[in-house]
Amino acid sequence: MSASAGDFVTPGTRVLADQNTSLGDGIIDTESGPLALLTGKLILEDGVMSIQIPGSTANLPKIGDVVIGQVNRLNAKTAEIRILHIEGKEGGGRDVPALKLFADIYVTDFVDRYIPSAGDAMRSRDIVRAKITQFEPMLKASTKDDPSFGVIHAICPPCGAVLQKSNSEPDFNVTCNNCDYKSYRVLSSGFNVGFHIPKNSDIDSFNRPGKRWSEEAEKNLGHDGARPYLSPLADFRRGINHEIPTSVARQLGRNRSNDRSRGQRREMYKTTCTMCSKSTEVPFKPTPGKPIRCRECMEKVKEGTATKEELSAERQILKAARAEMLESSGVKLFVGSISWDADEDDLRKLFSTYGELKDVHIAKDRETGKSRGFAFINFSSLKDGQKAVKELDGTDFHGRKISVQESNESRGGSSNRRRQNRK
């Protein structure tokens, strides 16, 4: 049974609305028809069907509303804010419905600048001024389109003092007068000045929109969230200088006695961008055959501006690098149906004619010490090993026809797939 104007509804109730009726607050259109998302009374005003929450509807945020919120949680690509106040509405932030109490701000909606991780521009407990940009199915907000949007109040993560604006160093636009903390925030032009923003306020320029990150600041960036914390400063319980917790150190494979602090620069590896061939540095050991891009090329790929020619050339480079890696890593062969009287020297003499051998091992019974009739041979070169497989598989050796194949352990079992493809 569907509810109509004047009826009391709960979440999931079907709503009766004709083609001339628009759906307003608290109602969503689904394949099975309009459904209520809130508890309240259905009202129809000026052709718009919406849900009136008992007591007041003044505090339901709408698209375009400006809200004041506190950063509640930092995820890799979003900052979740808890709405404290809706500007221009009676009652402010009282009794905001639970389903509309939190809004997400994506990193692309922070500021007109590349932000790798949410923790690089906001911190837990920051107070933020933002605009609601989406209502259903979940609230989304933005601090990007107006100088007055952004962080309006923040405290120092290490000591709790109120942070102050600063432009003494590029990209470190907030500092603590009580300790040595400095960091970056997406600042509102009303940072630390309240609701009455001076007309000549230039605080938002401290965000350096459209600018590249300075070398000193880039050391602290989250780089797409690929670190134990979203950024060194995202955890309000610790500052930029603190020892890595034992639990995290174990996850990173580091020794428990390691006393390096989060404030020190991570080990950087010199490499070459696989797209533009320029020299660059990355905070991890490059893997041959995997894309390694400089900051400019990374942004081009993410924005979709990289040309087909550039991507095609990169694929050829990666293909060649993978082939070189496979060749240099060698190959492990399985040799079966070996005669009982053959030993490792006999196998080494036979297979060494095809290339350099790393190791020759005949499997033996633990109790008797006698051969089990199969062996493993490691070649230094993939091509040499593949040639040995082609030439020796099925040949006579000490009176028996031996079976020679790439081992299942060789290069992650890929030999099975190659044999299947040859069939």
Protein backbone atom coordinates (compact mmCIF):
# COMPACT_ATOMS: atom_id res chain seq x y z
CA MET A 1 0.00 0.00 0.00
CA SER A 2 1.36 3.42 -0.97
CA ALA A 3 1.23 6.51 1.23
CA SER A 4 -0.06 9.86 -0.02
CA ALA A 5 0.10 13.47 1.18
CA GLY A 6 -0.84 13.74 4.85
CA ASP A 7 0.20 10.19 5.76
CA PHE A 8 2.89 9.36 8.30
CA VAL A 9 5.73 7.33 6.74
CA THR A 10 8.84 5.51 7.85
CA PRO A 11 11.97 4.58 5.83
CA GLY A 12 11.05 2.12 3.06
CA THR A 13 7.37 3.15 2.76
CA ARG A 14 6.09 3.37 -0.82
CA VAL A 15 5.01 6.88 -1.78
CA LEU A 16 2.17 7.63 -4.19
CA ALA A 17 3.20 10.39 -6.62
CA ASP A 18 1.96 11.10 -10.14
CA GLN A 19 3.95 12.34 -13.12
CA ASN A 20 3.22 15.98 -12.27
CA THR A 21 4.69 15.65 -8.77
CA SER A 22 8.38 16.26 -8.08
CA LEU A 23 10.20 14.39 -5.33
CA GLY A 24 11.71 16.52 -2.60
CA ASP A 25 13.58 15.97 0.65
CA GLY A 26 13.48 12.49 2.17
CA ILE A 27 12.11 10.66 -0.90
CA ILE A 28 14.09 8.68 -3.47
CA ASP A 29 12.95 7.39 -6.86
CA THR A 30 13.62 3.65 -7.44
CA GLU A 31 12.72 1.11 -10.12
CA SER A 32 9.73 0.02 -8.02
CA GLY A 33 8.61 3.62 -7.45
CA PRO A 34 9.26 6.42 -4.91
CA LEU A 35 10.34 5.32 -1.43
CA ALA A 36 10.57 7.25 1.85
CA LEU A 37 14.03 7.61 3.42
CA LEU A 38 13.00 9.42 6.61
CA THR A 39 10.39 9.16 9.32
CA GLY A 40 7.78 11.90 9.19
CA LYS A 41 4.71 13.28 7.50
CA LEU A 42 4.25 13.44 3.72
CA ILE A 43 3.52 16.98 2.54
CA LEU A 44 2.74 18.31 -0.93
CA GLU A 45 3.63 21.96 -1.59
CA ASP A 46 3.79 23.61 -5.02
CA GLY A 47 3.88 20.22 -6.74
CA VAL A 48 6.78 18.95 -4.60
CA MET A 49 6.30 15.90 -2.39
CA SER A 50 8.60 15.78 0.63
CA ILE A 51 8.78 14.44 4.19
CA GLN A 52 8.23 16.78 7.11
CA ILE A 53 10.22 15.66 10.14
CA PRO A 54 8.27 15.91 13.40
CA GLY A 55 9.12 19.11 15.26
CA SER A 56 11.06 20.99 12.58
CA THR A 57 12.35 20.77 9.01
CA ALA A 58 14.73 23.69 9.40
CA ASN A 59 17.81 21.54 9.89
CA LEU A 60 17.67 19.21 6.89
CA PRO A 61 20.66 20.19 4.69
CA LYS A 62 19.92 20.81 1.03
CA ILE A 63 22.03 21.19 -2.08
CA GLY A 64 23.60 24.64 -2.02
CA ASP A 65 23.46 25.02 1.77
CA VAL A 66 26.62 26.26 3.48
CA VAL A 67 27.48 24.19 6.54
CA ILE A 68 29.98 24.24 9.37
CA GLY A 69 31.37 20.80 10.16
CA GLN A 70 34.09 19.04 12.10
CA VAL A 71 36.41 16.54 10.39
CA ASN A 72 35.30 13.25 11.91
CA ARG A 73 37.24 10.72 9.84
CA LEU A 74 39.96 10.72 7.19
CA ASN A 75 39.86 8.09 4.46
CA ALA A 76 42.28 7.69 1.57
CA LYS A 77 40.33 9.97 -0.76
CA THR A 78 37.67 11.60 1.42
CA ALA A 79 37.30 13.64 4.57
CA GLU A 80 34.09 12.89 6.46
CA ILE A 81 32.68 15.90 8.31
CA ARG A 82 30.01 15.92 11.00
CA ILE A 83 27.60 18.77 10.36
CA LEU A 84 27.51 21.14 13.32
CA HIS A 85 25.58 24.06 11.84
CA ILE A 86 23.62 24.97 8.71
CA GLU A 87 24.03 28.66 7.93
CA GLY A 88 20.91 30.73 7.39
CA LYS A 89 18.52 28.21 8.95
CA GLU A 90 16.62 28.52 12.17
CA GLY A 91 17.95 26.22 14.83
CA GLY A 92 21.41 25.92 13.29
CA GLY A 93 22.74 22.43 13.86
CA ARG A 94 20.18 21.08 16.34
CA ASP A 95 18.44 17.81 15.50
CA VAL A 96 19.99 17.25 12.07
CA PRO A 97 18.61 13.84 10.96
CA ALA A 98 21.06 11.01 11.59
CA LEU A 99 20.98 9.99 7.92
CA LYS A 100 22.11 13.49 6.95
CA LEU A 101 24.47 14.21 9.81
CA PHE A 102 27.68 13.40 7.92
CA ALA A 103 28.98 14.57 4.55
CA ASP A 104 31.97 13.47 2.48
CA ILE A 105 34.41 15.88 0.86
CA TYR A 106 36.45 14.27 -1.91
CA VAL A 107 40.08 15.34 -2.41
CA THR A 108 39.16 16.65 -5.85
CA ASP A 109 36.72 19.05 -4.14
CA PHE A 110 39.23 20.38 -1.59
CA VAL A 111 40.95 23.07 -3.64
CA ASP A 112 42.06 23.73 -7.21
CA ARG A 113 45.25 21.78 -6.65
CA TYR A 114 46.48 18.17 -6.75
CA ILE A 115 45.94 16.63 -3.30
CA PRO A 116 47.11 12.95 -3.09
CA SER A 117 45.32 12.05 0.16
CA ALA A 118 42.67 13.63 2.35
CA GLY A 119 45.12 13.65 5.26
CA ASP A 120 47.40 15.99 3.31
CA ALA A 121 45.03 18.96 3.60
CA MET A 122 42.73 18.31 6.57
CA ARG A 123 43.12 16.69 9.96
CA SER A 124 40.78 15.11 12.48
CA ARG A 125 38.94 17.73 14.58
CA ASP A 126 39.50 20.56 12.06
CA ILE A 127 36.46 22.86 11.76
CA VAL A 128 35.45 23.31 8.13
CA ARG A 129 33.10 25.59 6.17
CA ALA A 130 31.73 23.84 3.07
CA LYS A 131 28.87 23.78 0.57
CA ILE A 132 26.52 20.81 0.13
CA THR A 133 26.76 19.56 -3.47
CA GLN A 134 24.81 16.27 -3.32
CA PHE A 135 21.86 15.09 -1.23
CA GLU A 136 21.12 11.54 -2.36
CA PRO A 137 22.07 8.81 -1.80
CA MET A 138 24.56 10.40 0.59
CA LEU A 139 25.64 13.93 1.42
CA LYS A 140 28.64 15.33 -0.40
CA ALA A 141 30.24 18.71 0.15
CA SER A 142 32.93 20.92 -1.37
CA THR A 143 35.42 23.53 -0.14
CA LYS A 144 36.58 24.40 -3.65
CA ASP A 145 34.32 27.02 -5.22
CA ASP A 146 34.51 29.94 -2.79
CA PRO A 147 37.41 31.58 -0.88
CA SER A 148 35.34 31.44 2.31
CA PHE A 149 35.18 27.63 2.12
CA GLY A 150 37.85 25.54 3.84
CA VAL A 151 39.32 25.07 7.30
CA ILE A 152 38.25 27.89 9.62
CA HIS A 153 39.77 26.57 12.84
CA ALA A 154 42.44 23.96 13.61
CA ILE A 155 44.46 22.87 16.60
CA CYS A 156 48.05 21.62 16.75
CA PRO A 157 48.15 17.78 16.63
CA PRO A 158 51.12 17.43 19.03
CA CYS A 159 50.27 20.03 21.68
CA GLY A 160 46.65 21.17 21.15
CA ALA A 161 47.38 24.89 20.72
CA VAL A 162 45.39 26.86 18.14
CA LEU A 163 47.20 26.91 14.78
CA GLN A 164 48.04 30.22 13.12
CA LYS A 165 48.32 31.07 9.43
CA SER A 166 51.80 31.45 7.99
CA ASN A 167 53.36 32.06 4.59
CA SER A 168 56.99 31.99 5.67
CA GLU A 169 57.56 28.70 3.82
CA PRO A 170 55.80 27.57 0.62
CA ASP A 171 53.03 25.02 1.30
CA PHE A 172 53.44 25.15 5.09
CA ASN A 173 50.56 27.55 5.59
CA VAL A 174 49.82 26.85 9.26
CA THR A 175 52.19 26.82 12.20
CA CYS A 176 52.08 26.39 15.97
CA ASN A 177 53.50 29.14 18.17
CA ASN A 178 53.84 26.67 21.04
CA CYS A 179 55.94 23.95 19.37
CA ASP A 180 57.77 23.27 16.09
CA TYR A 181 54.70 21.97 14.22
CA LYS A 182 54.06 23.20 10.68
CA SER A 183 51.77 21.81 8.02
CA TYR A 184 49.33 22.46 5.18
CA ARG A 185 45.57 23.02 5.38
CA VAL A 186 42.97 24.03 2.82
CA LEU A 187 42.36 27.38 4.47
CA SER A 188 39.20 29.46 4.35
CA SER A 189 39.52 33.22 4.01
CA GLY A 190 37.80 33.21 7.41
CA PHE A 191 40.49 31.11 9.11
CA ASN A 192 40.65 32.21 12.75
CA VAL A 193 38.59 35.36 12.09
CA GLY A 194 35.07 34.01 12.61
CA PHE A 195 31.99 34.58 10.45
CA HIS A 196 32.69 38.22 9.63
CA ILE A 197 35.37 37.81 6.99
CA PRO A 198 37.32 41.00 6.12
CA LYS A 199 36.87 42.07 2.50
CA ASN A 200 40.62 42.29 1.97
CA SER A 201 41.33 38.83 3.43
CA ASP A 202 44.00 36.98 1.44
CA ILE A 203 44.27 33.90 3.62
CA ASP A 204 42.91 31.59 0.90
CA SER A 205 45.93 32.50 -1.27
CA PHE A 206 48.06 30.58 1.23
CA ASN A 207 46.55 27.42 -0.33
CA ARG A 208 48.69 28.16 -3.43
CA PRO A 209 45.98 26.97 -5.86
CA GLY A 210 47.31 25.66 -9.16
CA LYS A 211 50.90 25.56 -7.88
CA ARG A 212 53.29 22.62 -7.70
CA TRP A 213 54.22 21.35 -4.27
CA SER A 214 57.51 22.55 -2.89
CA GLU A 215 60.21 19.89 -2.50
CA GLU A 216 60.16 20.18 1.31
CA ALA A 217 56.37 19.81 1.53
CA GLU A 218 56.21 16.94 -0.95
CA LYS A 219 58.17 14.75 1.49
CA ASN A 220 55.11 14.75 3.75
CA LEU A 221 52.47 14.00 1.11
CA GLY A 222 50.48 10.80 1.36
CA HIS A 223 51.07 9.84 -2.30
CA ASP A 224 47.62 8.33 -2.96
CA GLY A 225 47.26 7.02 0.58
CA ALA A 226 50.07 4.50 0.18
CA ARG A 227 51.44 4.79 3.72
CA PRO A 228 50.48 3.31 7.12
CA TYR A 229 48.78 6.60 8.02
CA LEU A 230 47.12 8.82 5.43
CA SER A 231 49.97 11.26 5.99
CA PRO A 232 52.53 11.84 8.75
CA LEU A 233 50.27 14.49 10.30
CA ALA A 234 46.86 12.86 9.91
CA ASP A 235 46.84 11.31 13.37
CA PHE A 236 46.09 14.06 15.89
CA ARG A 237 47.73 12.04 18.69
CA ARG A 238 51.17 12.42 17.09
CA GLY A 239 53.01 15.21 15.36
CA ILE A 240 55.37 15.17 12.43
CA ASN A 241 58.19 13.91 14.69
CA HIS A 242 57.32 10.66 16.45
CA GLU A 243 58.61 7.12 16.57
CA ILE A 244 56.74 4.56 14.53
CA PRO A 245 54.54 2.37 16.80
CA THR A 246 55.80 -1.21 17.26
CA SER A 247 52.67 -2.65 15.64
CA VAL A 248 53.15 -0.55 12.52
CA ALA A 249 56.89 -1.24 12.45
CA ARG A 250 56.17 -4.99 12.36
CA GLN A 251 53.80 -4.49 9.44
CA LEU A 252 56.48 -2.58 7.59
CA GLY A 253 59.00 -5.34 8.23
CA ARG A 254 61.24 -3.07 10.25
CA ASN A 255 63.28 -4.00 13.28
CA ARG A 256 61.67 -3.24 16.64
CA SER A 257 64.73 -1.26 17.69
CA ASN A 258 64.49 1.03 14.69
CA ASP A 259 64.49 4.57 16.06
CA ARG A 260 63.82 6.52 12.89
CA SER A 261 61.12 9.12 13.30
CA ARG A 262 58.21 9.92 11.02
CA GLY A 263 59.72 13.32 10.38
CA GLN A 264 62.74 11.90 8.56
CA ARG A 265 62.60 11.52 4.81
CA ARG A 266 61.82 8.06 3.50
CA GLU A 267 64.42 6.26 1.41
CA MET A 268 64.04 7.35 -2.20
CA TYR A 269 65.04 5.30 -5.23
CA LYS A 270 66.34 6.93 -8.40
CA THR A 271 64.69 5.63 -11.54
CA THR A 272 63.39 6.73 -14.94
CA CYS A 273 59.81 7.63 -15.83
CA THR A 274 58.44 4.89 -18.09
CA MET A 275 56.36 7.43 -20.01
CA CYS A 276 58.62 10.45 -20.63
CA SER A 277 62.03 8.87 -19.80
CA LYS A 278 62.93 11.70 -17.40
CA SER A 279 64.84 10.97 -14.19
CA THR A 280 62.66 10.80 -11.08
CA GLU A 281 62.59 9.40 -7.54
CA VAL A 282 60.06 7.12 -5.88
CA PRO A 283 59.67 6.01 -2.22
CA PHE A 284 59.76 2.29 -3.11
CA LYS A 285 62.05 -0.05 -4.99
CA PRO A 286 60.94 -0.07 -8.64
CA THR A 287 59.79 -3.37 -10.13
CA PRO A 288 60.95 -4.02 -13.71
CA GLY A 289 58.02 -4.07 -16.09
CA LYS A 290 55.75 -2.02 -13.82
CA PRO A 291 54.79 1.62 -14.64
CA ILE A 292 56.95 4.18 -12.81
CA ARG A 293 55.83 7.71 -13.63
CA CYS A 294 56.97 11.16 -12.63
CA ARG A 295 54.50 13.56 -11.04
CA GLU A 296 53.60 15.26 -14.36
CA CYS A 297 52.94 11.99 -16.19
CA MET A 298 50.96 10.61 -13.24
CA GLU A 299 48.66 13.62 -13.36
CA LYS A 300 48.27 13.29 -17.15
CA VAL A 301 47.16 9.65 -16.81
CA LYS A 302 44.73 10.45 -13.98
CA GLU A 303 43.23 13.39 -15.87
CA GLY A 304 42.99 11.37 -19.08
CA THR A 305 45.18 13.79 -21.07
CA ALA A 306 47.92 11.27 -21.90
CA THR A 307 47.96 10.59 -25.67
CA LYS A 308 47.60 7.17 -27.28
CA GLU A 309 51.12 7.51 -28.66
CA GLU A 310 52.56 8.12 -25.18
CA LEU A 311 50.70 5.16 -23.66
CA SER A 312 51.64 2.89 -26.57
CA ALA A 313 55.32 3.83 -26.27
CA GLU A 314 55.19 3.17 -22.53
CA ARG A 315 53.67 -0.29 -23.12
CA GLN A 316 56.58 -1.18 -25.42
CA ILE A 317 59.08 -0.04 -22.79
CA LEU A 318 57.33 -2.09 -20.09
CA LYS A 319 57.16 -5.14 -22.37
CA ALA A 320 60.89 -4.94 -23.06
CA ALA A 321 61.64 -4.48 -19.33
CA ARG A 322 59.57 -7.53 -18.41
CA ALA A 323 61.32 -9.61 -21.07
CA GLU A 324 64.72 -8.49 -19.77
CA MET A 325 63.71 -9.28 -16.19
CA LEU A 326 62.50 -12.77 -17.13
CA GLU A 327 65.70 -13.42 -19.04
CA SER A 328 67.97 -12.30 -16.20
CA SER A 329 65.99 -14.21 -13.55
CA GLY A 330 66.67 -17.54 -15.28
CA VAL A 331 64.43 -20.59 -15.16
CA LYS A 332 64.00 -23.78 -13.11
CA LEU A 333 63.49 -27.05 -14.98
CA PHE A 334 61.93 -30.31 -13.80
CA VAL A 335 63.57 -33.47 -15.12
CA GLY A 336 61.62 -36.71 -14.67
CA SER A 337 62.11 -40.43 -15.44
CA ILE A 338 65.81 -40.31 -14.55
CA SER A 339 67.68 -43.60 -14.40
CA TRP A 340 68.54 -44.77 -10.89
CA ASP A 341 72.25 -44.95 -11.71
CA ALA A 342 72.50 -41.36 -13.04
CA ASP A 343 74.02 -38.78 -10.69
CA GLU A 344 74.16 -34.97 -10.55
CA ASP A 345 77.46 -34.80 -12.42
CA ASP A 346 75.89 -36.72 -15.31
CA LEU A 347 72.98 -34.26 -15.43
CA ARG A 348 75.31 -31.26 -15.18
CA LYS A 349 77.39 -32.55 -18.07
CA LEU A 350 74.27 -33.06 -20.22
CA PHE A 351 72.52 -29.75 -19.52
CA SER A 352 75.57 -27.47 -19.30
CA THR A 353 76.01 -27.74 -23.06
CA TYR A 354 72.97 -25.46 -23.40
CA GLY A 355 74.04 -22.70 -21.03
CA GLU A 356 75.26 -21.70 -17.58
CA LEU A 357 73.74 -23.67 -14.71
CA LYS A 358 73.04 -22.24 -11.27
CA ASP A 359 72.19 -25.49 -9.53
CA VAL A 360 71.57 -29.19 -10.16
CA HIS A 361 69.71 -31.24 -7.55
CA ILE A 362 68.47 -34.84 -7.67
CA ALA A 363 65.63 -35.57 -5.23
CA LYS A 364 66.57 -38.40 -2.86
CA ASP A 365 64.72 -40.56 -0.37
CA ARG A 366 65.27 -39.33 3.19
CA GLU A 367 65.67 -42.79 4.68
CA THR A 368 67.63 -44.68 2.00
CA GLY A 369 69.41 -41.76 0.34
CA LYS A 370 68.65 -43.26 -3.09
CA SER A 371 67.46 -41.25 -6.09
CA ARG A 372 63.70 -40.75 -6.44
CA GLY A 373 63.95 -40.57 -10.21
CA PHE A 374 63.56 -36.82 -10.75
CA ALA A 375 65.67 -33.66 -10.43
CA PHE A 376 65.61 -29.87 -10.62
CA ILE A 377 68.01 -27.81 -12.71
CA ASN A 378 68.34 -24.02 -12.54
CA PHE A 379 69.52 -22.15 -15.66
CA SER A 380 70.93 -18.62 -15.42
CA SER A 381 69.24 -17.69 -18.71
CA LEU A 382 65.57 -18.18 -19.59
CA LYS A 383 66.37 -18.67 -23.28
CA ASP A 384 69.02 -21.30 -22.51
CA GLY A 385 66.59 -23.17 -20.27
CA GLN A 386 63.82 -23.08 -22.88
CA LYS A 387 66.25 -24.36 -25.50
CA ALA A 388 67.21 -27.25 -23.21
CA VAL A 389 63.52 -28.14 -22.76
CA LYS A 390 63.00 -28.17 -26.52
CA GLU A 391 66.08 -30.25 -27.28
CA LEU A 392 66.14 -32.71 -24.38
CA ASP A 393 62.50 -33.47 -23.60
CA GLY A 394 61.92 -37.12 -24.56
CA THR A 395 65.58 -37.90 -25.33
CA ASP A 396 67.40 -41.02 -24.13
CA PHE A 397 69.55 -40.60 -21.01
CA HIS A 398 71.20 -43.59 -19.33
CA GLY A 399 68.79 -45.93 -21.08
CA ARG A 400 65.58 -44.04 -20.23
CA LYS A 401 63.61 -41.33 -22.00
CA ILE A 402 63.65 -38.29 -19.72
CA SER A 403 60.90 -35.70 -19.37
CA VAL A 404 62.10 -32.07 -19.28
CA GLN A 405 59.71 -29.21 -18.48
CA GLU A 406 59.69 -25.86 -16.76
CA SER A 407 59.03 -26.37 -13.05
CA ASN A 408 55.66 -25.31 -11.59
CA GLU A 409 57.66 -23.12 -9.19
CA SER A 410 59.35 -21.31 -12.04
CA ARG A 411 58.04 -17.74 -12.37
CA GLY A 412 54.82 -18.33 -10.43
CA GLY A 413 53.62 -21.37 -12.38
CA SER A 414 53.39 -19.48 -15.66
CA SER A 415 54.95 -22.47 -17.46
CA ASN A 416 51.64 -24.34 -17.16
CA ARG A 417 49.87 -21.59 -19.03
CA ARG A 418 52.52 -21.52 -21.75
CA ARG A 419 52.29 -25.30 -22.23
CA GLN A 420 48.51 -25.01 -22.49
CA ASN A 421 48.86 -22.24 -25.07
CA ARG A 422 51.26 -24.36 -27.14
CA LYS A 423 48.67 -27.12 -27.21
